[in-house]
Amino acid sequence: MKFQAVVKRNKSKIIFIHLIQNFQKPLCSDYQPS
């Protein structure tokens, strides 16, 4: 049970990080003219 809770927490953390990275990518491309 404890192990599953840790895995679930890590999964949500990874998803959160992916969301932040995906959100930052377009912002960076908007600020930097390419």
PDB file of N, CA and C in Angstrom:
ATOM      1  N   MET A   1       0.848  -1.205   0.000  1.00  0.00           N
ATOM      2  CA  MET A   1       0.000   0.000   0.000  1.00  0.00           C
ATOM      3  C   MET A   1       0.880   1.252   0.000  1.00  0.00           C
ATOM      4  N   LYS A   2       1.874   1.282   0.890  1.00  0.00           N
ATOM      5  CA  LYS A   2       2.775   2.442   0.947  1.00  0.00           C
ATOM      6  C   LYS A   2       3.460   2.642  -0.399  1.00  0.00           C
ATOM      7  N   PHE A   3       3.931   1.525  -0.978  1.00  0.00           N
ATOM      8  CA  PHE A   3       4.660   1.611  -2.246  1.00  0.00           C
ATOM      9  C   PHE A   3       3.770   2.211  -3.334  1.00  0.00           C
ATOM     10  N   GLN A   4       2.513   1.790  -3.379  1.00  0.00           N
ATOM     11  CA  GLN A   4       1.596   2.317  -4.401  1.00  0.00           C
ATOM     12  C   GLN A   4       1.378   3.808  -4.226  1.00  0.00           C
ATOM     13  N   ALA A   5       1.303   4.246  -2.987  1.00  0.00           N
ATOM     14  CA  ALA A   5       1.105   5.678  -2.729  1.00  0.00           C
ATOM     15  C   ALA A   5       2.313   6.472  -3.226  1.00  0.00           C
ATOM     16  N   VAL A   6       3.501   5.935  -3.004  1.00  0.00           N
ATOM     17  CA  VAL A   6       4.720   6.619  -3.460  1.00  0.00           C
ATOM     18  C   VAL A   6       4.735   6.688  -4.982  1.00  0.00           C
ATOM     19  N   VAL A   7       4.387   5.588  -5.633  1.00  0.00           N
ATOM     20  CA  VAL A   7       4.377   5.563  -7.102  1.00  0.00           C
ATOM     21  C   VAL A   7       3.372   6.564  -7.629  1.00  0.00           C
ATOM     22  N   LYS A   8       2.210   6.617  -6.996  1.00  0.00           N
ATOM     23  CA  LYS A   8       1.167   7.552  -7.453  1.00  0.00           C
ATOM     24  C   LYS A   8       1.644   8.984  -7.299  1.00  0.00           C
ATOM     25  N   ARG A   9       2.300   9.264  -6.180  1.00  0.00           N
ATOM     26  CA  ARG A   9       2.784  10.625  -5.930  1.00  0.00           C
ATOM     27  C   ARG A   9       3.854  10.993  -6.962  1.00  0.00           C
ATOM     28  N   ASN A  10       4.766  10.053  -7.250  1.00  0.00           N
ATOM     29  CA  ASN A  10       5.825  10.327  -8.222  1.00  0.00           C
ATOM     30  C   ASN A  10       5.239  10.537  -9.608  1.00  0.00           C
ATOM     31  N   LYS A  11       4.214   9.766  -9.950  1.00  0.00           N
ATOM     32  CA  LYS A  11       3.584   9.909 -11.262  1.00  0.00           C
ATOM     33  C   LYS A  11       2.965  11.295 -11.404  1.00  0.00           C
ATOM     34  N   SER A  12       2.257  11.739 -10.393  1.00  0.00           N
ATOM     35  CA  SER A  12       1.613  13.051 -10.467  1.00  0.00           C
ATOM     36  C   SER A  12       2.675  14.148 -10.528  1.00  0.00           C
ATOM     37  N   LYS A  13       3.808  13.929  -9.820  1.00  0.00           N
ATOM     38  CA  LYS A  13       4.892  14.922  -9.847  1.00  0.00           C
ATOM     39  C   LYS A  13       5.481  14.995 -11.249  1.00  0.00           C
ATOM     40  N   ILE A  14       5.684  13.831 -11.883  1.00  0.00           N
ATOM     41  CA  ILE A  14       6.253  13.800 -13.235  1.00  0.00           C
ATOM     42  C   ILE A  14       5.299  14.475 -14.217  1.00  0.00           C
ATOM     43  N   ILE A  15       3.998  14.191 -14.089  1.00  0.00           N
ATOM     44  CA  ILE A  15       3.006  14.815 -14.981  1.00  0.00           C
ATOM     45  C   ILE A  15       3.024  16.326 -14.789  1.00  0.00           C
ATOM     46  N   PHE A  16       3.132  16.757 -13.537  1.00  0.00           N
ATOM     47  CA  PHE A  16       3.165  18.198 -13.229  1.00  0.00           C
ATOM     48  C   PHE A  16       4.378  18.854 -13.892  1.00  0.00           C
ATOM     49  N   ILE A  17       5.543  18.194 -13.797  1.00  0.00           N
ATOM     50  CA  ILE A  17       6.769  18.733 -14.402  1.00  0.00           C
ATOM     51  C   ILE A  17       6.609  18.804 -15.912  1.00  0.00           C
ATOM     52  N   HIS A  18       6.007  17.769 -16.511  1.00  0.00           N
ATOM     53  CA  HIS A  18       5.803  17.773 -17.960  1.00  0.00           C
ATOM     54  C   HIS A  18       4.889  18.924 -18.368  1.00  0.00           C
ATOM     55  N   LEU A  19       3.854  19.156 -17.582  1.00  0.00           N
ATOM     56  CA  LEU A  19       2.937  20.256 -17.891  1.00  0.00           C
ATOM     57  C   LEU A  19       3.668  21.594 -17.846  1.00  0.00           C
ATOM     58  N   ILE A  20       4.492  21.773 -16.824  1.00  0.00           N
ATOM     59  CA  ILE A  20       5.240  23.032 -16.695  1.00  0.00           C
ATOM     60  C   ILE A  20       6.177  23.205 -17.880  1.00  0.00           C
ATOM     61  N   GLN A  21       6.898  22.126 -18.250  1.00  0.00           N
ATOM     62  CA  GLN A  21       7.846  22.222 -19.366  1.00  0.00           C
ATOM     63  C   GLN A  21       7.106  22.521 -20.663  1.00  0.00           C
ATOM     64  N   ASN A  22       5.971  21.872 -20.877  1.00  0.00           N
ATOM     65  CA  ASN A  22       5.204  22.109 -22.101  1.00  0.00           C
ATOM     66  C   ASN A  22       4.640  23.521 -22.114  1.00  0.00           C
ATOM     67  N   PHE A  23       4.365  24.060 -20.945  1.00  0.00           N
ATOM     68  CA  PHE A  23       3.827  25.419 -20.851  1.00  0.00           C
ATOM     69  C   PHE A  23       4.927  26.442 -21.105  1.00  0.00           C
ATOM     70  N   GLN A  24       6.152  26.138 -20.678  1.00  0.00           N
ATOM     71  CA  GLN A  24       7.259  27.080 -20.812  1.00  0.00           C
ATOM     72  C   GLN A  24       7.792  27.120 -22.241  1.00  0.00           C
ATOM     73  N   LYS A  25       7.704  26.024 -22.960  1.00  0.00           N
ATOM     74  CA  LYS A  25       8.271  25.975 -24.310  1.00  0.00           C
ATOM     75  C   LYS A  25       7.688  27.049 -25.226  1.00  0.00           C
ATOM     76  N   PRO A  26       6.370  27.140 -25.369  1.00  0.00           N
ATOM     77  CA  PRO A  26       5.814  28.179 -26.241  1.00  0.00           C
ATOM     78  C   PRO A  26       6.125  29.583 -25.741  1.00  0.00           C
ATOM     79  N   LEU A  27       6.185  29.779 -24.428  1.00  0.00           N
ATOM     80  CA  LEU A  27       6.514  31.099 -23.893  1.00  0.00           C
ATOM     81  C   LEU A  27       7.922  31.500 -24.331  1.00  0.00           C
ATOM     82  N   CYS A  28       8.861  30.576 -24.197  1.00  0.00           N
ATOM     83  CA  CYS A  28      10.241  30.871 -24.577  1.00  0.00           C
ATOM     84  C   CYS A  28      10.320  31.186 -26.068  1.00  0.00           C
ATOM     85  N   SER A  29       9.615  30.444 -26.892  1.00  0.00           N
ATOM     86  CA  SER A  29       9.674  30.668 -28.337  1.00  0.00           C
ATOM     87  C   SER A  29       9.002  31.993 -28.689  1.00  0.00           C
ATOM     88  N   ASP A  30       8.034  32.429 -27.865  1.00  0.00           N
ATOM     89  CA  ASP A  30       7.383  33.717 -28.115  1.00  0.00           C
ATOM     90  C   ASP A  30       8.332  34.871 -27.801  1.00  0.00           C
ATOM     91  N   TYR A  31       9.102  34.719 -26.727  1.00  0.00           N
ATOM     92  CA  TYR A  31       9.978  35.815 -26.305  1.00  0.00           C
ATOM     93  C   TYR A  31      11.201  35.926 -27.215  1.00  0.00           C
ATOM     94  N   GLN A  32      11.704  34.768 -27.677  1.00  0.00           N
ATOM     95  CA  GLN A  32      12.911  34.792 -28.507  1.00  0.00           C
ATOM     96  C   GLN A  32      12.526  34.733 -29.977  1.00  0.00           C
ATOM     97  N   PRO A  33      12.798  35.756 -30.746  1.00  0.00           N
ATOM     98  CA  PRO A  33      12.491  35.718 -32.179  1.00  0.00           C
ATOM     99  C   PRO A  33      13.384  34.721 -32.904  1.00  0.00           C
ATOM    100  N   SER A  34      12.770  33.810 -33.640  1.00  0.00           N
ATOM    101  CA  SER A  34      13.564  32.794 -34.344  1.00  0.00           C
ATOM    102  C   SER A  34      13.234  32.807 -35.829  1.00  0.00           C
TER     103      SER A  34
END
